[in-house]
Protein backbone atom coordinates (compact mmCIF):
# COMPACT_ATOMS: atom_id res chain seq x y z
CA UNK A 1 -37.03 -50.18 15.01
CA UNK A 2 -37.31 -53.97 14.92
CA UNK A 3 -39.80 -55.81 12.76
CA UNK A 4 -39.90 -59.56 13.05
CA UNK A 5 -40.16 -61.36 9.73
CA UNK A 6 -39.55 -64.83 8.39
CA UNK A 7 -37.07 -63.80 5.71
CA UNK A 8 -33.98 -65.97 6.02
CA UNK A 9 -30.79 -63.97 6.53
CA UNK A 10 -27.79 -64.88 4.51
CA UNK A 11 -24.13 -64.01 4.71
CA UNK A 12 -22.86 -62.21 1.63
CA UNK A 13 -19.20 -61.93 0.78
CA UNK A 14 -17.98 -58.37 0.70
CA UNK A 15 -16.84 -58.80 -2.87
CA UNK A 16 -20.43 -59.29 -3.97
CA UNK A 17 -21.11 -55.62 -3.44
CA UNK A 18 -18.06 -54.68 -5.49
CA UNK A 19 -18.20 -57.16 -8.35
CA UNK A 20 -18.38 -55.85 -11.87
CA UNK A 21 -18.76 -59.33 -13.37
CA UNK A 22 -21.95 -60.22 -15.16
CA UNK A 23 -24.43 -62.54 -13.57
CA UNK A 24 -25.98 -65.40 -15.54
CA UNK A 25 -29.40 -64.82 -17.04
CA UNK A 26 -31.68 -65.88 -19.82
CA UNK A 27 -33.13 -62.62 -21.05
CA UNK A 28 -33.20 -61.95 -24.79
CA UNK A 29 -30.90 -59.57 -26.58
CA UNK A 30 -32.12 -56.15 -27.58
CA UNK A 31 -30.12 -56.29 -30.80
CA UNK A 32 -30.36 -58.63 -33.72
CA UNK A 33 -27.75 -61.06 -32.45
CA UNK A 34 -28.34 -63.68 -29.76
CA UNK A 35 -27.69 -62.53 -26.25
CA UNK A 36 -24.30 -63.27 -24.77
CA UNK A 37 -24.56 -62.97 -21.00
CA UNK A 38 -20.81 -62.72 -20.68
CA UNK A 39 -21.04 -59.35 -22.42
CA UNK A 40 -24.49 -58.17 -21.33
CA UNK A 41 -26.04 -57.12 -18.04
CA UNK A 42 -24.34 -56.48 -14.71
CA UNK A 43 -22.84 -53.13 -13.74
CA UNK A 44 -21.52 -52.70 -17.30
CA UNK A 45 -25.07 -52.28 -18.62
CA UNK A 46 -26.56 -50.77 -15.49
CA UNK A 47 -24.18 -47.82 -15.61
CA UNK A 48 -26.01 -46.52 -18.71
CA UNK A 49 -29.22 -46.50 -16.67
CA UNK A 50 -27.60 -45.20 -13.49
CA UNK A 51 -25.43 -42.62 -15.16
CA UNK A 52 -22.60 -43.59 -12.79
CA UNK A 53 -19.62 -45.96 -12.82
CA UNK A 54 -19.54 -49.23 -10.94
CA UNK A 55 -20.13 -48.96 -7.17
CA UNK A 56 -16.44 -49.11 -6.33
CA UNK A 57 -15.87 -45.98 -8.40
CA UNK A 58 -18.77 -44.24 -6.69
CA UNK A 59 -17.37 -44.55 -3.20
CA UNK A 60 -15.08 -41.55 -3.54
CA UNK A 61 -12.46 -43.62 -5.35
CA UNK A 62 -9.54 -41.63 -6.76
CA UNK A 63 -7.68 -44.59 -8.28
CA UNK A 64 -6.74 -42.84 -11.52
CA UNK A 65 -4.87 -45.86 -12.90
CA UNK A 66 -7.98 -48.05 -12.71
CA UNK A 67 -10.23 -45.33 -14.08
CA UNK A 68 -8.10 -44.56 -17.17
CA UNK A 69 -9.16 -47.66 -19.16
CA UNK A 70 -12.75 -46.49 -18.80
CA UNK A 71 -11.99 -42.80 -19.45
CA UNK A 72 -14.01 -42.77 -22.68
CA UNK A 73 -17.12 -43.65 -20.61
CA UNK A 74 -16.68 -40.77 -18.15
CA UNK A 75 -18.83 -38.23 -19.98
CA UNK A 76 -21.53 -40.85 -20.46
CA UNK A 77 -21.63 -41.97 -16.86
CA UNK A 78 -21.54 -38.37 -15.66
CA UNK A 79 -24.48 -37.34 -17.87
CA UNK A 80 -27.00 -40.13 -18.42
CA UNK A 81 -28.13 -40.64 -14.83
CA UNK A 82 -29.30 -37.16 -14.01
CA UNK A 83 -30.29 -35.65 -17.40
CA UNK A 84 -33.78 -37.15 -17.38
CA UNK A 85 -34.36 -35.91 -13.83
CA UNK A 86 -33.22 -32.41 -14.79
CA UNK A 87 -35.76 -32.32 -17.61
CA UNK A 88 -38.60 -33.54 -15.42
CA UNK A 89 -37.92 -31.74 -12.13
CA UNK A 90 -37.14 -28.55 -13.99
CA UNK A 91 -40.92 -28.45 -14.38
CA UNK A 92 -42.22 -30.17 -11.25
CA UNK A 93 -39.82 -28.53 -8.80
CA UNK A 94 -40.98 -24.98 -9.58
CA UNK A 95 -44.50 -25.71 -10.83
CA UNK A 96 -46.30 -24.17 -7.87
CA UNK A 97 -44.44 -20.89 -8.44
CA UNK A 98 -45.49 -20.93 -12.12
CA UNK A 99 -49.13 -21.53 -11.20
CA UNK A 100 -49.24 -18.79 -8.57
CA UNK A 101 -47.11 -16.45 -10.74
CA UNK A 102 -47.76 -16.29 -14.50
CA UNK A 103 -51.04 -18.24 -14.25
CA UNK A 104 -52.29 -16.26 -11.22
CA UNK A 105 -53.73 -19.14 -9.15
CA UNK A 106 -54.37 -18.98 -5.40
CA UNK A 107 -52.04 -20.81 -3.03
CA UNK A 108 -54.65 -23.42 -2.06
CA UNK A 109 -55.69 -24.08 -5.67
CA UNK A 110 -52.08 -24.30 -6.83
CA UNK A 111 -51.06 -26.63 -3.98
CA UNK A 112 -54.05 -28.89 -4.63
CA UNK A 113 -53.44 -28.80 -8.37
CA UNK A 114 -49.75 -29.66 -8.09
CA UNK A 115 -50.51 -32.50 -5.66
CA UNK A 116 -53.20 -33.88 -7.98
CA UNK A 117 -50.85 -33.71 -10.97
CA UNK A 118 -48.04 -35.28 -8.95
CA UNK A 119 -50.44 -38.05 -7.98
CA UNK A 120 -51.16 -38.67 -11.65
CA UNK A 121 -47.41 -38.73 -12.32
CA UNK A 122 -46.98 -41.51 -9.78
CA UNK A 123 -50.11 -43.52 -10.67
CA UNK A 124 -49.57 -43.61 -14.45
CA UNK A 125 -46.51 -45.88 -14.05
CA UNK A 126 -49.02 -48.69 -13.48
CA UNK A 127 -50.28 -48.23 -17.05
CA UNK A 128 -46.75 -47.87 -18.38
CA UNK A 129 -45.56 -50.97 -16.56
CA UNK A 130 -48.52 -53.04 -17.75
CA UNK A 131 -47.84 -52.00 -21.33
CA UNK A 132 -44.13 -52.76 -20.98
CA UNK A 133 -44.53 -56.16 -19.34
CA UNK A 134 -47.30 -57.31 -21.67
CA UNK A 135 -46.32 -55.97 -25.08
CA UNK A 136 -43.72 -53.23 -25.48
CA UNK A 137 -40.90 -54.45 -23.29
CA UNK A 138 -39.03 -52.14 -20.93
CA UNK A 139 -36.51 -50.91 -23.49
CA UNK A 140 -39.16 -49.78 -26.00
CA UNK A 141 -41.24 -48.25 -23.21
CA UNK A 142 -38.29 -46.02 -22.27
CA UNK A 143 -37.94 -44.97 -25.92
CA UNK A 144 -41.67 -44.15 -26.08
CA UNK A 145 -41.28 -42.09 -22.91
CA UNK A 146 -38.46 -40.14 -24.54
CA UNK A 147 -40.69 -39.16 -27.45
CA UNK A 148 -43.48 -38.07 -25.11
CA UNK A 149 -41.03 -36.07 -23.01
CA UNK A 150 -39.82 -34.13 -26.04
CA UNK A 151 -43.40 -33.46 -27.19
CA UNK A 152 -44.70 -32.31 -23.80
CA UNK A 153 -41.70 -30.14 -22.92
CA UNK A 154 -41.85 -28.56 -26.38
CA UNK A 155 -45.50 -27.69 -25.77
CA UNK A 156 -44.71 -26.21 -22.34
CA UNK A 157 -41.97 -24.08 -23.88
CA UNK A 158 -44.40 -22.74 -26.50
CA UNK A 159 -47.02 -22.07 -23.79
CA UNK A 160 -44.65 -20.02 -21.65
CA UNK A 161 -43.36 -18.19 -24.75
CA UNK A 162 -46.89 -17.04 -25.62
CA UNK A 163 -48.04 -16.46 -22.04
CA UNK A 164 -45.62 -13.99 -20.43
CA UNK A 165 -42.25 -12.62 -21.54
CA UNK A 166 -41.08 -11.79 -18.02
CA UNK A 167 -40.36 -14.30 -15.22
CA UNK A 168 -42.89 -12.81 -12.78
CA UNK A 169 -45.40 -11.36 -15.22
CA UNK A 170 -48.96 -12.32 -14.30
CA UNK A 171 -51.94 -12.31 -16.64
CA UNK A 172 -55.12 -14.30 -17.01
CA UNK A 173 -54.52 -16.90 -19.72
CA UNK A 174 -57.22 -17.64 -22.26
CA UNK A 175 -59.17 -20.85 -21.88
CA UNK A 176 -57.54 -22.32 -24.99
CA UNK A 177 -54.05 -21.47 -23.70
CA UNK A 178 -54.86 -23.00 -20.32
CA UNK A 179 -56.15 -26.16 -22.00
CA UNK A 180 -52.97 -26.37 -24.11
CA UNK A 181 -50.89 -25.99 -20.93
CA UNK A 182 -52.71 -28.79 -19.12
CA UNK A 183 -52.49 -31.13 -22.11
CA UNK A 184 -48.72 -30.56 -22.13
CA UNK A 185 -48.50 -31.06 -18.37
CA UNK A 186 -50.38 -34.36 -18.42
CA UNK A 187 -48.45 -35.60 -21.46
CA UNK A 188 -45.38 -35.04 -19.28
CA UNK A 189 -47.03 -37.17 -16.61
CA UNK A 190 -47.73 -39.90 -19.18
CA UNK A 191 -44.09 -39.86 -20.28
CA UNK A 192 -43.04 -40.34 -16.67
CA UNK A 193 -45.50 -43.22 -16.45
CA UNK A 194 -43.63 -45.09 -19.17
CA UNK A 195 -40.15 -44.02 -18.11
CA UNK A 196 -39.81 -44.42 -14.37
CA UNK A 197 -40.79 -48.06 -13.64
CA UNK A 198 -39.31 -49.36 -16.88
CA UNK A 199 -35.88 -47.72 -16.77
CA UNK A 200 -35.40 -48.66 -13.12
CA UNK A 201 -36.55 -52.24 -13.72
CA UNK A 202 -34.35 -52.46 -16.82
CA UNK A 203 -31.36 -51.57 -14.67
CA UNK A 204 -32.32 -54.11 -12.00
CA UNK A 205 -32.75 -56.76 -14.69
CA UNK A 206 -29.01 -56.62 -15.30
CA UNK A 207 -28.53 -58.53 -12.03
CA UNK A 208 -30.28 -61.82 -12.81
CA UNK A 209 -29.92 -64.22 -9.90
CA UNK A 210 -29.77 -67.98 -10.03
CA UNK A 211 -31.21 -70.09 -7.24
CA UNK A 212 -29.44 -69.38 -4.00
CA UNK A 213 -27.20 -66.68 -5.50
CA UNK A 214 -27.24 -64.13 -2.71
CA UNK A 215 -24.47 -62.06 -4.33
CA UNK A 216 -26.83 -61.18 -7.18
CA UNK A 217 -29.54 -60.22 -4.71
CA UNK A 218 -27.09 -58.07 -2.77
CA UNK A 219 -25.87 -56.36 -5.94
CA UNK A 220 -29.45 -55.62 -6.95
CA UNK A 221 -30.18 -54.20 -3.51
CA UNK A 222 -27.12 -51.99 -3.87
CA UNK A 223 -28.28 -51.00 -7.37
CA UNK A 224 -31.48 -49.44 -6.02
CA UNK A 225 -29.41 -47.26 -3.69
CA UNK A 226 -27.11 -46.13 -6.50
CA UNK A 227 -30.00 -45.55 -8.89
CA UNK A 228 -31.40 -43.00 -6.47
CA UNK A 229 -27.95 -41.57 -5.85
CA UNK A 230 -27.72 -40.90 -9.57
CA UNK A 231 -31.15 -39.33 -10.08
CA UNK A 232 -30.69 -37.21 -6.96
CA UNK A 233 -27.95 -35.28 -8.74
CA UNK A 234 -30.40 -34.45 -11.51
CA UNK A 235 -33.00 -33.39 -8.97
CA UNK A 236 -30.43 -31.16 -7.25
CA UNK A 237 -29.37 -29.47 -10.50
CA UNK A 238 -32.99 -28.92 -11.57
CA UNK A 239 -34.09 -27.39 -8.27
CA UNK A 240 -30.93 -25.35 -7.69
CA UNK A 241 -30.03 -24.16 -11.19
CA UNK A 242 -33.15 -24.35 -13.36
CA UNK A 243 -35.35 -22.80 -10.68
CA UNK A 244 -32.94 -19.85 -10.59
CA UNK A 245 -33.12 -19.56 -14.39
CA UNK A 246 -36.93 -19.72 -14.36
CA UNK A 247 -37.23 -17.12 -11.57
CA UNK A 248 -34.59 -14.68 -12.86
CA UNK A 249 -34.22 -15.21 -16.62
CA UNK A 250 -37.54 -16.55 -17.83
CA UNK A 251 -39.81 -19.56 -17.85
CA UNK A 252 -39.35 -20.07 -21.59
CA UNK A 253 -35.58 -20.41 -21.21
CA UNK A 254 -36.04 -22.78 -18.27
CA UNK A 255 -38.50 -25.06 -20.10
CA UNK A 256 -36.35 -25.03 -23.23
CA UNK A 257 -33.38 -26.15 -21.13
CA UNK A 258 -35.54 -29.02 -19.82
CA UNK A 259 -36.29 -30.05 -23.43
CA UNK A 260 -32.61 -29.97 -24.37
CA UNK A 261 -31.48 -32.09 -21.42
CA UNK A 262 -34.21 -34.63 -22.16
CA UNK A 263 -33.08 -34.89 -25.79
CA UNK A 264 -29.52 -35.48 -24.61
CA UNK A 265 -30.68 -38.09 -22.09
CA UNK A 266 -32.47 -40.03 -24.81
CA UNK A 267 -29.39 -39.95 -27.06
CA UNK A 268 -27.12 -41.22 -24.30
CA UNK A 269 -29.60 -43.96 -23.36
CA UNK A 270 -29.49 -45.24 -26.93
CA UNK A 271 -25.69 -45.56 -26.74
CA UNK A 272 -26.05 -48.41 -24.25
CA UNK A 273 -28.50 -50.41 -26.38
CA UNK A 274 -26.14 -53.29 -27.23
CA UNK A 275 -25.16 -53.87 -23.59
CA UNK A 276 -28.62 -54.21 -22.02
CA UNK A 277 -30.02 -57.56 -20.96
CA UNK A 278 -33.80 -57.61 -21.50
CA UNK A 279 -36.56 -59.77 -20.04
CA UNK A 280 -39.21 -61.41 -22.22
CA UNK A 281 -42.68 -59.90 -22.13
CA UNK A 282 -45.39 -62.13 -20.65
CA UNK A 283 -48.07 -61.35 -23.25
CA UNK A 284 -51.44 -59.67 -22.86
CA UNK A 285 -53.31 -62.88 -22.07
CA UNK A 286 -50.91 -63.96 -19.34
CA UNK A 287 -50.89 -60.51 -17.79
CA UNK A 288 -54.68 -60.31 -17.96
CA UNK A 289 -54.94 -63.63 -16.13
CA UNK A 290 -52.60 -62.31 -13.44
CA UNK A 291 -54.61 -59.11 -13.03
CA UNK A 292 -57.85 -61.14 -12.87
CA UNK A 293 -56.26 -63.32 -10.20
CA UNK A 294 -55.27 -60.26 -8.22
CA UNK A 295 -58.81 -58.85 -8.53
CA UNK A 296 -60.15 -62.12 -7.14
CA UNK A 297 -57.74 -61.83 -4.23
CA UNK A 298 -59.10 -58.35 -3.44
CA UNK A 299 -62.60 -59.86 -3.14
CA UNK A 300 -61.12 -62.42 -0.75
CA UNK A 301 -59.67 -59.58 1.31
CA UNK A 302 -62.98 -57.68 1.40
CA UNK A 303 -65.31 -60.54 2.21
CA UNK A 304 -66.87 -60.59 5.66
CA UNK A 305 -66.81 -64.33 6.39
CA UNK A 306 -64.44 -64.11 9.33
CA UNK A 307 -61.28 -64.78 7.32
CA UNK A 308 -58.21 -63.89 9.35
CA UNK A 309 -56.26 -61.14 7.53
CA UNK A 310 -53.05 -62.19 9.23
CA UNK A 311 -53.44 -65.73 7.89
CA UNK A 312 -53.87 -64.29 4.40
CA UNK A 313 -50.57 -62.48 4.84
CA UNK A 314 -48.90 -65.88 5.31
CA UNK A 315 -50.67 -68.30 2.92
CA UNK A 316 -50.01 -71.99 3.36
CA UNK A 317 -51.70 -73.55 0.30
CA UNK A 318 -49.69 -73.38 -2.92
CA UNK A 319 -52.80 -72.95 -5.08
CA UNK A 320 -53.80 -69.85 -3.09
CA UNK A 321 -50.48 -68.04 -3.23
CA UNK A 322 -51.02 -66.30 -6.57
CA UNK A 323 -54.49 -65.07 -5.61
CA UNK A 324 -53.38 -64.02 -2.14
CA UNK A 325 -50.31 -62.14 -3.41
CA UNK A 326 -52.16 -58.84 -3.62
CA UNK A 327 -53.67 -59.47 -0.19
CA UNK A 328 -50.16 -59.63 1.28
CA UNK A 329 -49.01 -56.50 -0.56
CA UNK A 330 -52.14 -54.37 -0.16
CA UNK A 331 -51.71 -53.51 3.57
CA UNK A 332 -48.12 -52.42 2.96
CA UNK A 333 -49.26 -50.29 0.01
CA UNK A 334 -52.07 -48.68 2.02
CA UNK A 335 -49.91 -47.91 5.03
CA UNK A 336 -47.44 -45.98 2.87
CA UNK A 337 -49.97 -43.36 1.78
CA UNK A 338 -49.39 -40.97 4.68
CA UNK A 339 -45.64 -41.03 4.04
CA UNK A 340 -46.33 -40.16 0.39
CA UNK A 341 -48.69 -37.33 1.38
CA UNK A 342 -46.01 -35.92 3.67
CA UNK A 343 -43.32 -36.09 1.01
CA UNK A 344 -45.51 -34.17 -1.46
CA UNK A 345 -45.17 -31.09 0.79
CA UNK A 346 -41.55 -30.71 -0.36
CA UNK A 347 -42.59 -29.30 -3.74
CA UNK A 348 -45.81 -27.59 -2.62
CA UNK A 349 -46.22 -25.96 0.80
CA UNK A 350 -42.54 -26.15 1.81
CA UNK A 351 -41.73 -24.12 -1.31
CA UNK A 352 -44.36 -21.47 -0.55
CA UNK A 353 -43.23 -21.35 3.09
CA UNK A 354 -39.63 -20.78 2.01
CA UNK A 355 -40.68 -17.96 -0.33
CA UNK A 356 -41.57 -15.76 2.69
CA UNK A 357 -38.13 -16.03 4.35
CA UNK A 358 -34.94 -14.03 4.01
CA UNK A 359 -33.23 -16.07 1.29
CA UNK A 360 -30.16 -13.91 0.83
CA UNK A 361 -26.75 -15.55 0.88
CA UNK A 362 -24.05 -12.94 0.82
CA UNK A 363 -24.62 -9.49 -0.62
CA UNK A 364 -26.20 -10.36 -3.97
CA UNK A 365 -27.37 -13.99 -4.20
CA UNK A 366 -31.04 -14.63 -3.47
CA UNK A 367 -31.94 -18.33 -3.34
CA UNK A 368 -35.09 -19.21 -5.35
CA UNK A 369 -37.74 -20.89 -3.18
CA UNK A 370 -37.73 -24.07 -5.30
CA UNK A 371 -33.95 -24.34 -4.89
CA UNK A 372 -34.53 -25.30 -1.26
CA UNK A 373 -35.73 -28.66 -2.59
CA UNK A 374 -32.13 -29.39 -3.53
CA UNK A 375 -31.55 -29.96 0.19
CA UNK A 376 -33.45 -33.23 -0.22
CA UNK A 377 -31.13 -34.20 -3.07
CA UNK A 378 -28.09 -33.16 -1.06
CA UNK A 379 -29.27 -35.46 1.71
CA UNK A 380 -29.70 -38.28 -0.82
CA UNK A 381 -26.22 -37.97 -2.28
CA UNK A 382 -24.72 -37.73 1.19
CA UNK A 383 -26.71 -40.45 2.91
CA UNK A 384 -26.86 -43.09 0.16
CA UNK A 385 -23.09 -43.79 0.00
CA UNK A 386 -22.98 -43.72 3.79
CA UNK A 387 -25.92 -46.11 4.01
CA UNK A 388 -24.69 -48.50 1.32
CA UNK A 389 -20.99 -48.54 2.24
CA UNK A 390 -20.96 -48.02 6.00
CA UNK A 391 -24.31 -48.71 7.65
CA UNK A 392 -25.23 -51.82 5.62
CA UNK A 393 -21.92 -53.65 6.25
CA UNK A 394 -22.13 -52.77 9.96
CA UNK A 395 -25.71 -53.98 10.20
CA UNK A 396 -24.86 -57.12 8.20
CA UNK A 397 -22.27 -58.16 10.78
CA UNK A 398 -24.92 -57.86 13.50
CA UNK A 399 -27.97 -59.31 11.73
CA UNK A 400 -26.39 -61.61 9.13
CA UNK A 401 -28.89 -60.22 6.61
CA UNK A 402 -27.46 -59.57 3.13
CA UNK A 403 -28.87 -56.01 3.09
CA UNK A 404 -28.22 -55.29 6.77
CA UNK A 405 -31.93 -54.94 7.56
CA UNK A 406 -35.06 -56.20 5.85
CA UNK A 407 -36.86 -53.92 3.43
CA UNK A 408 -39.83 -53.59 5.79
CA UNK A 409 -37.58 -52.51 8.64
CA UNK A 410 -36.07 -49.91 6.34
CA UNK A 411 -39.51 -48.67 5.27
CA UNK A 412 -40.77 -48.46 8.86
CA UNK A 413 -37.77 -46.37 9.93
CA UNK A 414 -38.39 -43.98 7.05
CA UNK A 415 -42.05 -43.58 7.95
CA UNK A 416 -41.14 -42.72 11.53
CA UNK A 417 -38.57 -40.19 10.31
CA UNK A 418 -41.20 -38.47 8.13
CA UNK A 419 -43.35 -37.90 11.21
CA UNK A 420 -40.40 -36.31 12.99
CA UNK A 421 -39.83 -34.07 9.96
CA UNK A 422 -43.41 -32.79 10.07
CA UNK A 423 -43.18 -32.09 13.80
CA UNK A 424 -40.05 -30.02 13.15
CA UNK A 425 -41.80 -28.24 10.26
CA UNK A 426 -44.71 -27.41 12.58
CA UNK A 427 -42.37 -25.87 15.15
CA UNK A 428 -40.53 -23.84 12.51
CA UNK A 429 -43.77 -22.58 10.96
CA UNK A 430 -45.04 -21.53 14.40
CA UNK A 431 -41.90 -19.47 14.87
CA UNK A 432 -42.26 -17.94 11.39
CA UNK A 433 -45.77 -16.73 12.24
CA UNK A 434 -44.52 -15.19 15.50
CA UNK A 435 -41.70 -13.41 13.65
CA UNK A 436 -44.24 -11.98 11.19
CA UNK A 437 -46.36 -10.67 14.05
CA UNK A 438 -43.43 -9.24 16.04
CA UNK A 439 -42.06 -7.49 12.94
CA UNK A 440 -45.43 -5.99 12.04
CA UNK A 441 -45.42 -7.73 8.67
CA UNK A 442 -48.56 -9.83 9.00
CA UNK A 443 -50.29 -7.89 6.24
CA UNK A 444 -47.16 -7.46 4.12
CA UNK A 445 -46.79 -10.86 2.45
CA UNK A 446 -44.66 -9.30 -0.29
CA UNK A 447 -41.89 -8.44 2.20
CA UNK A 448 -39.37 -11.09 3.24
CA UNK A 449 -39.49 -11.82 6.96
CA UNK A 450 -36.44 -11.21 9.15
CA UNK A 451 -36.00 -14.98 9.49
CA UNK A 452 -33.23 -16.85 7.70
CA UNK A 453 -33.86 -19.66 5.23
CA UNK A 454 -31.60 -21.86 7.39
CA UNK A 455 -34.53 -22.39 9.74
CA UNK A 456 -36.26 -24.66 7.21
CA UNK A 457 -33.15 -26.73 6.42
CA UNK A 458 -33.82 -29.39 9.12
CA UNK A 459 -37.28 -30.32 7.78
CA UNK A 460 -35.88 -30.81 4.25
CA UNK A 461 -32.95 -32.88 5.52
CA UNK A 462 -35.15 -35.07 7.71
CA UNK A 463 -37.50 -35.77 4.80
CA UNK A 464 -34.46 -36.58 2.67
CA UNK A 465 -33.36 -39.18 5.21
CA UNK A 466 -36.92 -40.52 5.37
CA UNK A 467 -36.94 -40.91 1.58
CA UNK A 468 -33.58 -42.72 1.58
CA UNK A 469 -35.11 -45.26 3.92
CA UNK A 470 -38.80 -45.52 2.95
CA UNK A 471 -39.04 -44.53 -0.71
CA UNK A 472 -36.15 -46.71 -1.88
CA UNK A 473 -37.26 -49.48 0.48
CA UNK A 474 -40.75 -49.48 -1.04
CA UNK A 475 -39.36 -49.76 -4.56
CA UNK A 476 -37.07 -52.67 -3.65
CA UNK A 477 -39.85 -54.37 -1.68
CA UNK A 478 -42.45 -54.32 -4.46
CA UNK A 479 -39.88 -55.24 -7.12
CA UNK A 480 -38.86 -58.31 -5.12
CA UNK A 481 -42.30 -59.46 -4.01
CA UNK A 482 -44.18 -59.61 -7.33
CA UNK A 483 -43.71 -62.44 -9.87
CA UNK A 484 -40.51 -62.17 -11.89
CA UNK A 485 -42.34 -61.61 -15.20
CA UNK A 486 -44.07 -58.40 -14.06
CA UNK A 487 -41.37 -56.61 -12.12
CA UNK A 488 -42.11 -53.32 -13.90
CA UNK A 489 -45.58 -53.59 -12.39
CA UNK A 490 -43.97 -54.16 -9.00
CA UNK A 491 -42.03 -50.91 -9.25
CA UNK A 492 -45.15 -49.17 -10.53
CA UNK A 493 -47.00 -50.31 -7.40
CA UNK A 494 -44.50 -48.48 -5.22
CA UNK A 495 -44.74 -45.38 -7.41
CA UNK A 496 -48.54 -45.56 -7.39
CA UNK A 497 -48.46 -45.51 -3.59
CA UNK A 498 -46.57 -42.21 -3.79
CA UNK A 499 -49.13 -41.00 -6.32
CA UNK A 500 -52.11 -42.02 -4.21
CA UNK A 501 -50.51 -40.20 -1.29
CA UNK A 502 -50.24 -37.05 -3.43
CA UNK A 503 -53.92 -37.40 -4.32
CA UNK A 504 -54.70 -37.76 -0.62
CA UNK A 505 -52.71 -34.60 0.12
CA UNK A 506 -54.58 -32.72 -2.61
CA UNK A 507 -57.98 -33.80 -1.29
CA UNK A 508 -56.96 -33.05 2.30
CA UNK A 509 -55.77 -29.55 1.39
CA UNK A 510 -58.98 -28.84 -0.55
CA UNK A 511 -61.19 -30.17 2.26
CA UNK A 512 -59.39 -28.23 4.99
CA UNK A 513 -59.34 -25.07 2.87
CA UNK A 514 -63.12 -25.32 2.32
CA UNK A 515 -63.85 -26.08 6.00
CA UNK A 516 -61.61 -23.37 7.46
CA UNK A 517 -62.90 -20.74 5.03
CA UNK A 518 -66.44 -21.58 6.12
CA UNK A 519 -66.00 -21.92 9.87
CA UNK A 520 -62.79 -20.06 10.73
CA UNK A 521 -61.62 -16.49 10.36
CA UNK A 522 -58.91 -17.49 7.88
CA UNK A 523 -58.16 -20.50 5.75
CA UNK A 524 -55.20 -22.58 6.89
CA UNK A 525 -53.91 -22.02 3.35
CA UNK A 526 -54.61 -18.32 2.96
CA UNK A 527 -52.81 -16.62 0.06
CA UNK A 528 -51.25 -14.41 2.74
CA UNK A 529 -49.16 -17.08 4.45
CA UNK A 530 -48.59 -14.74 7.40
CA UNK A 531 -52.27 -15.22 8.25
CA UNK A 532 -52.41 -18.89 7.26
CA UNK A 533 -51.86 -21.84 9.59
CA UNK A 534 -49.56 -24.24 7.82
CA UNK A 535 -48.32 -25.19 11.30
CA UNK A 536 -51.68 -26.76 12.12
CA UNK A 537 -51.55 -28.77 8.87
CA UNK A 538 -47.99 -29.94 9.58
CA UNK A 539 -48.96 -31.12 13.06
CA UNK A 540 -51.97 -32.95 11.61
CA UNK A 541 -49.64 -34.81 9.22
CA UNK A 542 -47.26 -35.62 12.09
CA UNK A 543 -50.14 -37.20 14.02
CA UNK A 544 -51.23 -39.19 10.98
CA UNK A 545 -47.63 -40.39 10.53
CA UNK A 546 -47.58 -41.74 14.09
CA UNK A 547 -50.83 -43.63 13.42
CA UNK A 548 -49.43 -44.92 10.13
CA UNK A 549 -46.31 -46.33 11.81
CA UNK A 550 -48.42 -48.19 14.39
CA UNK A 551 -50.61 -49.80 11.70
CA UNK A 552 -47.58 -50.57 9.51
CA UNK A 553 -45.83 -52.37 12.36
CA UNK A 554 -48.90 -54.55 12.87
CA UNK A 555 -48.91 -55.79 9.27
CA UNK A 556 -45.14 -55.88 8.75
CA UNK A 557 -44.53 -58.05 11.82
CA UNK A 558 -46.61 -60.88 10.29
CA UNK A 559 -45.50 -60.51 6.67
CA UNK A 560 -43.86 -63.57 5.07
CA UNK A 561 -41.42 -62.66 2.32
CA UNK A 562 -41.65 -64.28 -1.08
CA UNK A 563 -38.64 -66.56 -1.47
CA UNK A 564 -36.41 -65.02 -4.11
CA UNK A 565 -33.15 -66.91 -3.67
């Protein structure tokens, strides 16, 4: 896929991707002493955020001699990156099974509820980023998130302890218990709102670039890849291990394990305090003026005076650039919503679909439905090193671009891949329904179908590849294209797009469920999935993805990148 842009390519020395030296910067120290940029920032500080060593260690390096001087960091770098993700995805990854199990919700209600909550999870980073960039600072915002995480996960543990002693026990919870559960769940979302944009931006801040320093830009681009490599391990452990614990041991034990890993994450994060380079906050007044300017730009975008939208995407007057910034970003944000809606199926309908299959591996092991989500993580940890260390250098030699391809080209490829994933999911679901009919199990939803779980592997893997391209591309794009002082807000914009897509998925599921119950024999999301039509829904999303790619190409081809050295 080729998208023509006006971003100037630049040749980057290969050593730039490997360098562990600190880059110059002017951010303040987090401690009481003045900042010393020779000892702060760079990969040395970023590793506490990533939870991994420097990139050269990540690329399957077995140079024991070079690793020995840093041996005392090994347990830190092995733990900090994925512990927070374990604590969070230990809840989100298996949430739909908890709602349809102990809480006794219908499939449609649970899928819509999880999507709505996931949308809140991804939209709240806007509030967290605004608070961090205006007053708290990114470091303190991460600490605040840690406290909220411990509170919310403690409440969830108490809820499950009082609700049902057995993993699959189902009872109608009291209204007060249900309210307590939802307060805990949305406190968890609020914690994520403070944590996600701020910790990722704090890591990217360690690579402060001076004018024309393309090596810093390249290192930061590489950082986003390795950040996701790190958190993917946590996602994999949560969906593979904790989902098994929750399904076979008990929800209370699973939620308590989430609390413990979050407490450990917070402790390890604090150990890196004296190495972080921090950016100054811009102040409430300055941030308010920026937001007011952006609101004015939205009115420019909406006015019907014949203004050419493509001209607004490439402003020529310096005094208009700040107001027109949101105009340039808004089309990219809007055209990512379908991708986000598609990705939300991984932890909703894909999980329910997998629960009907033969999930036995060997004689005794039965794979929990939520554990199938670890296939996305496995794709991440496989593809990210390949992308960063093989594909990017190859593409750089062809294009001369420091990242191999532009961020919009990367995003567009990911969007197209998500459409392919949904087409494959539609084909697989059609076969699953035929197997149910041929086996005479249409009205036996409690019996596993004679169809192996391996049939759904391709759709998970394809969505994993799509996320490597589009999700990480969106985060890098919005981080780079907003003003330097509000980069947390930039990352929050990318996360809010994923959240808005989850909201869209929730509304679409609810609308289709209502319409098909009223005018069709069965809802597309019937509680008996053998009589449902998830295949129709998957094909609908595939068609929307094709439309999304066409609209995205239109806007991306005329986008002018903000010059960031």
